[in-house]
Amino acid sequence: MDYRYGSHTIFKIEYHFVFVTKYRYQVLKGDVGYKVRDLIKLHFRQNHPLSS
């Protein structure tokens, strides 16, 4: 397990994003959905290098 350490703390934070629209209508579908997914993954890899 990967834990982060502060001066007085030990913590592990995981993110889970859910996009919910009215009636579960798929807004991010097709190429747009894949592009958004890839951008989110890239953002977290650059800003959170310790997470998997």
PDB file of N, CA and C in Angstrom:
ATOM      1  N   MET A   1       0.836  -1.180   0.000  1.00  0.00           N
ATOM      2  CA  MET A   1       0.000   0.000   0.000  1.00  0.00           C
ATOM      3  C   MET A   1       0.882   1.245   0.000  1.00  0.00           C
ATOM      4  N   ASP A   2       0.488   2.237  -0.785  1.00  0.00           N
ATOM      5  CA  ASP A   2       1.229   3.486  -0.855  1.00  0.00           C
ATOM      6  C   ASP A   2       0.600   4.502   0.084  1.00  0.00           C
ATOM      7  N   TYR A   3       1.347   4.905   1.064  1.00  0.00           N
ATOM      8  CA  TYR A   3       0.882   5.906   2.005  1.00  0.00           C
ATOM      9  C   TYR A   3       1.714   7.160   1.844  1.00  0.00           C
ATOM     10  N   ARG A   4       1.109   8.297   2.091  1.00  0.00           N
ATOM     11  CA  ARG A   4       1.832   9.566   2.112  1.00  0.00           C
ATOM     12  C   ARG A   4       1.991   9.975   3.558  1.00  0.00           C
ATOM     13  N   TYR A   5       3.088  10.604   3.839  1.00  0.00           N
ATOM     14  CA  TYR A   5       3.409  10.974   5.211  1.00  0.00           C
ATOM     15  C   TYR A   5       3.539  12.480   5.328  1.00  0.00           C
ATOM     16  N   GLY A   6       2.877  13.026   6.343  1.00  0.00           N
ATOM     17  CA  GLY A   6       3.032  14.425   6.700  1.00  0.00           C
ATOM     18  C   GLY A   6       3.793  14.497   8.008  1.00  0.00           C
ATOM     19  N   SER A   7       3.953  15.681   8.537  1.00  0.00           N
ATOM     20  CA  SER A   7       4.707  15.816   9.783  1.00  0.00           C
ATOM     21  C   SER A   7       4.003  15.132  10.952  1.00  0.00           C
ATOM     22  N   HIS A   8       2.680  15.100  10.940  1.00  0.00           N
ATOM     23  CA  HIS A   8       1.916  14.468  12.019  1.00  0.00           C
ATOM     24  C   HIS A   8       0.842  13.519  11.498  1.00  0.00           C
ATOM     25  N   THR A   9       0.928  13.148  10.219  1.00  0.00           N
ATOM     26  CA  THR A   9      -0.137  12.342   9.638  1.00  0.00           C
ATOM     27  C   THR A   9       0.406  11.264   8.707  1.00  0.00           C
ATOM     28  N   ILE A  10      -0.396  10.239   8.512  1.00  0.00           N
ATOM     29  CA  ILE A  10      -0.163   9.217   7.500  1.00  0.00           C
ATOM     30  C   ILE A  10      -1.504   9.047   6.787  1.00  0.00           C
ATOM     31  N   PHE A  11      -1.493   9.092   5.456  1.00  0.00           N
ATOM     32  CA  PHE A  11      -2.768   8.989   4.762  1.00  0.00           C
ATOM     33  C   PHE A  11      -2.613   8.353   3.393  1.00  0.00           C
ATOM     34  N   LYS A  12      -3.725   7.805   2.926  1.00  0.00           N
ATOM     35  CA  LYS A  12      -3.826   7.254   1.582  1.00  0.00           C
ATOM     36  C   LYS A  12      -5.126   7.769   0.995  1.00  0.00           C
ATOM     37  N   ILE A  13      -5.031   8.457  -0.122  1.00  0.00           N
ATOM     38  CA  ILE A  13      -6.221   9.032  -0.747  1.00  0.00           C
ATOM     39  C   ILE A  13      -6.383   8.422  -2.132  1.00  0.00           C
ATOM     40  N   GLU A  14      -7.573   7.951  -2.428  1.00  0.00           N
ATOM     41  CA  GLU A  14      -7.896   7.440  -3.749  1.00  0.00           C
ATOM     42  C   GLU A  14      -9.063   8.244  -4.288  1.00  0.00           C
ATOM     43  N   TYR A  15      -9.082   8.442  -5.584  1.00  0.00           N
ATOM     44  CA  TYR A  15     -10.117   9.246  -6.217  1.00  0.00           C
ATOM     45  C   TYR A  15     -11.056   8.354  -7.019  1.00  0.00           C
ATOM     46  N   HIS A  16     -12.311   8.700  -6.995  1.00  0.00           N
ATOM     47  CA  HIS A  16     -13.306   8.016  -7.818  1.00  0.00           C
ATOM     48  C   HIS A  16     -14.293   9.075  -8.293  1.00  0.00           C
ATOM     49  N   PHE A  17     -14.294   9.341  -9.582  1.00  0.00           N
ATOM     50  CA  PHE A  17     -15.193  10.340 -10.140  1.00  0.00           C
ATOM     51  C   PHE A  17     -16.340   9.647 -10.855  1.00  0.00           C
ATOM     52  N   VAL A  18     -17.534  10.159 -10.649  1.00  0.00           N
ATOM     53  CA  VAL A  18     -18.714   9.645 -11.335  1.00  0.00           C
ATOM     54  C   VAL A  18     -19.434  10.830 -11.952  1.00  0.00           C
ATOM     55  N   PHE A  19     -19.632  10.782 -13.254  1.00  0.00           N
ATOM     56  CA  PHE A  19     -20.386  11.822 -13.936  1.00  0.00           C
ATOM     57  C   PHE A  19     -21.812  11.321 -14.081  1.00  0.00           C
ATOM     58  N   VAL A  20     -22.757  12.009 -13.461  1.00  0.00           N
ATOM     59  CA  VAL A  20     -24.149  11.585 -13.497  1.00  0.00           C
ATOM     60  C   VAL A  20     -24.976  12.704 -14.116  1.00  0.00           C
ATOM     61  N   THR A  21     -25.755  12.329 -15.091  1.00  0.00           N
ATOM     62  CA  THR A  21     -26.661  13.298 -15.706  1.00  0.00           C
ATOM     63  C   THR A  21     -28.095  12.822 -15.502  1.00  0.00           C
ATOM     64  N   LYS A  22     -29.022  13.680 -15.749  1.00  0.00           N
ATOM     65  CA  LYS A  22     -30.415  13.328 -15.568  1.00  0.00           C
ATOM     66  C   LYS A  22     -30.784  12.153 -16.475  1.00  0.00           C
ATOM     67  N   TYR A  23     -31.442  11.172 -15.935  1.00  0.00           N
ATOM     68  CA  TYR A  23     -31.875   9.971 -16.643  1.00  0.00           C
ATOM     69  C   TYR A  23     -30.704   9.145 -17.174  1.00  0.00           C
ATOM     70  N   ARG A  24     -29.507   9.334 -16.614  1.00  0.00           N
ATOM     71  CA  ARG A  24     -28.299   8.593 -17.014  1.00  0.00           C
ATOM     72  C   ARG A  24     -28.011   8.703 -18.505  1.00  0.00           C
ATOM     73  N   TYR A  25     -28.343   9.827 -19.077  1.00  0.00           N
ATOM     74  CA  TYR A  25     -28.064  10.084 -20.483  1.00  0.00           C
ATOM     75  C   TYR A  25     -26.557  10.203 -20.667  1.00  0.00           C
ATOM     76  N   GLN A  26     -25.986   9.455 -21.592  1.00  0.00           N
ATOM     77  CA  GLN A  26     -24.540   9.468 -21.806  1.00  0.00           C
ATOM     78  C   GLN A  26     -24.126  10.713 -22.576  1.00  0.00           C
ATOM     79  N   VAL A  27     -23.420  11.596 -21.880  1.00  0.00           N
ATOM     80  CA  VAL A  27     -22.957  12.829 -22.499  1.00  0.00           C
ATOM     81  C   VAL A  27     -21.579  12.625 -23.103  1.00  0.00           C
ATOM     82  N   LEU A  28     -20.719  11.941 -22.363  1.00  0.00           N
ATOM     83  CA  LEU A  28     -19.350  11.725 -22.815  1.00  0.00           C
ATOM     84  C   LEU A  28     -19.260  10.355 -23.491  1.00  0.00           C
ATOM     85  N   LYS A  29     -19.611  10.311 -24.752  1.00  0.00           N
ATOM     86  CA  LYS A  29     -19.567   9.037 -25.447  1.00  0.00           C
ATOM     87  C   LYS A  29     -18.749   9.166 -26.726  1.00  0.00           C
ATOM     88  N   GLY A  30     -18.334   8.038 -27.245  1.00  0.00           N
ATOM     89  CA  GLY A  30     -17.543   8.041 -28.472  1.00  0.00           C
ATOM     90  C   GLY A  30     -16.153   8.603 -28.242  1.00  0.00           C
ATOM     91  N   ASP A  31     -15.631   9.259 -29.265  1.00  0.00           N
ATOM     92  CA  ASP A  31     -14.269   9.809 -29.199  1.00  0.00           C
ATOM     93  C   ASP A  31     -14.115  10.865 -28.116  1.00  0.00           C
ATOM     94  N   VAL A  32     -15.169  11.634 -27.859  1.00  0.00           N
ATOM     95  CA  VAL A  32     -15.110  12.666 -26.814  1.00  0.00           C
ATOM     96  C   VAL A  32     -14.899  12.018 -25.448  1.00  0.00           C
ATOM     97  N   GLY A  33     -15.611  10.958 -25.170  1.00  0.00           N
ATOM     98  CA  GLY A  33     -15.467  10.254 -23.899  1.00  0.00           C
ATOM     99  C   GLY A  33     -14.075   9.693 -23.711  1.00  0.00           C
ATOM    100  N   TYR A  34     -13.515   9.096 -24.765  1.00  0.00           N
ATOM    101  CA  TYR A  34     -12.166   8.542 -24.681  1.00  0.00           C
ATOM    102  C   TYR A  34     -11.129   9.646 -24.464  1.00  0.00           C
ATOM    103  N   LYS A  35     -11.321  10.776 -25.130  1.00  0.00           N
ATOM    104  CA  LYS A  35     -10.375  11.895 -24.988  1.00  0.00           C
ATOM    105  C   LYS A  35     -10.414  12.454 -23.570  1.00  0.00           C
ATOM    106  N   VAL A  36     -11.610  12.634 -23.013  1.00  0.00           N
ATOM    107  CA  VAL A  36     -11.740  13.137 -21.641  1.00  0.00           C
ATOM    108  C   VAL A  36     -11.099  12.162 -20.668  1.00  0.00           C
ATOM    109  N   ARG A  37     -11.339  10.871 -20.848  1.00  0.00           N
ATOM    110  CA  ARG A  37     -10.733   9.852 -19.984  1.00  0.00           C
ATOM    111  C   ARG A  37      -9.207   9.937 -20.036  1.00  0.00           C
ATOM    112  N   ASP A  38      -8.650  10.042 -21.240  1.00  0.00           N
ATOM    113  CA  ASP A  38      -7.202  10.111 -21.388  1.00  0.00           C
ATOM    114  C   ASP A  38      -6.631  11.378 -20.763  1.00  0.00           C
ATOM    115  N   LEU A  39      -7.341  12.499 -20.898  1.00  0.00           N
ATOM    116  CA  LEU A  39      -6.872  13.755 -20.300  1.00  0.00           C
ATOM    117  C   LEU A  39      -6.886  13.689 -18.776  1.00  0.00           C
ATOM    118  N   ILE A  40      -7.905  13.080 -18.204  1.00  0.00           N
ATOM    119  CA  ILE A  40      -7.972  12.934 -16.745  1.00  0.00           C
ATOM    120  C   ILE A  40      -6.839  12.048 -16.253  1.00  0.00           C
ATOM    121  N   LYS A  41      -6.600  10.932 -16.939  1.00  0.00           N
ATOM    122  CA  LYS A  41      -5.499  10.053 -16.549  1.00  0.00           C
ATOM    123  C   LYS A  41      -4.157  10.768 -16.649  1.00  0.00           C
ATOM    124  N   LEU A  42      -3.940  11.509 -17.724  1.00  0.00           N
ATOM    125  CA  LEU A  42      -2.695  12.248 -17.907  1.00  0.00           C
ATOM    126  C   LEU A  42      -2.501  13.282 -16.801  1.00  0.00           C
ATOM    127  N   HIS A  43      -3.568  13.994 -16.472  1.00  0.00           N
ATOM    128  CA  HIS A  43      -3.503  15.009 -15.418  1.00  0.00           C
ATOM    129  C   HIS A  43      -3.064  14.391 -14.093  1.00  0.00           C
ATOM    130  N   PHE A  44      -3.654  13.266 -13.717  1.00  0.00           N
ATOM    131  CA  PHE A  44      -3.323  12.658 -12.433  1.00  0.00           C
ATOM    132  C   PHE A  44      -1.948  12.011 -12.440  1.00  0.00           C
ATOM    133  N   ARG A  45      -1.512  11.498 -13.576  1.00  0.00           N
ATOM    134  CA  ARG A  45      -0.145  10.956 -13.637  1.00  0.00           C
ATOM    135  C   ARG A  45       0.886  12.064 -13.464  1.00  0.00           C
ATOM    136  N   GLN A  46       0.608  13.252 -14.008  1.00  0.00           N
ATOM    137  CA  GLN A  46       1.549  14.368 -13.895  1.00  0.00           C
ATOM    138  C   GLN A  46       1.526  14.992 -12.516  1.00  0.00           C
ATOM    139  N   ASN A  47       0.372  15.046 -11.879  1.00  0.00           N
ATOM    140  CA  ASN A  47       0.244  15.743 -10.601  1.00  0.00           C
ATOM    141  C   ASN A  47       0.304  14.841  -9.383  1.00  0.00           C
ATOM    142  N   HIS A  48       0.212  13.532  -9.586  1.00  0.00           N
ATOM    143  CA  HIS A  48       0.243  12.575  -8.478  1.00  0.00           C
ATOM    144  C   HIS A  48       1.140  11.402  -8.862  1.00  0.00           C
ATOM    145  N   PRO A  49       2.450  11.621  -8.956  1.00  0.00           N
ATOM    146  CA  PRO A  49       3.332  10.572  -9.442  1.00  0.00           C
ATOM    147  C   PRO A  49       3.417   9.340  -8.529  1.00  0.00           C
ATOM    148  N   LEU A  50       3.014   9.450  -7.262  1.00  0.00           N
ATOM    149  CA  LEU A  50       3.090   8.307  -6.353  1.00  0.00           C
ATOM    150  C   LEU A  50       1.923   7.364  -6.506  1.00  0.00           C
ATOM    151  N   SER A  51       0.815   7.837  -7.090  1.00  0.00           N
ATOM    152  CA  SER A  51      -0.351   6.966  -7.243  1.00  0.00           C
ATOM    153  C   SER A  51      -0.189   6.122  -8.486  1.00  0.00           C
ATOM    154  N   SER A  52      -0.891   4.997  -8.515  1.00  0.00           N
ATOM    155  CA  SER A  52      -0.755   4.076  -9.643  1.00  0.00           C
ATOM    156  C   SER A  52      -1.699   4.399 -10.766  1.00  0.00           C
TER     157      SER A  52
END
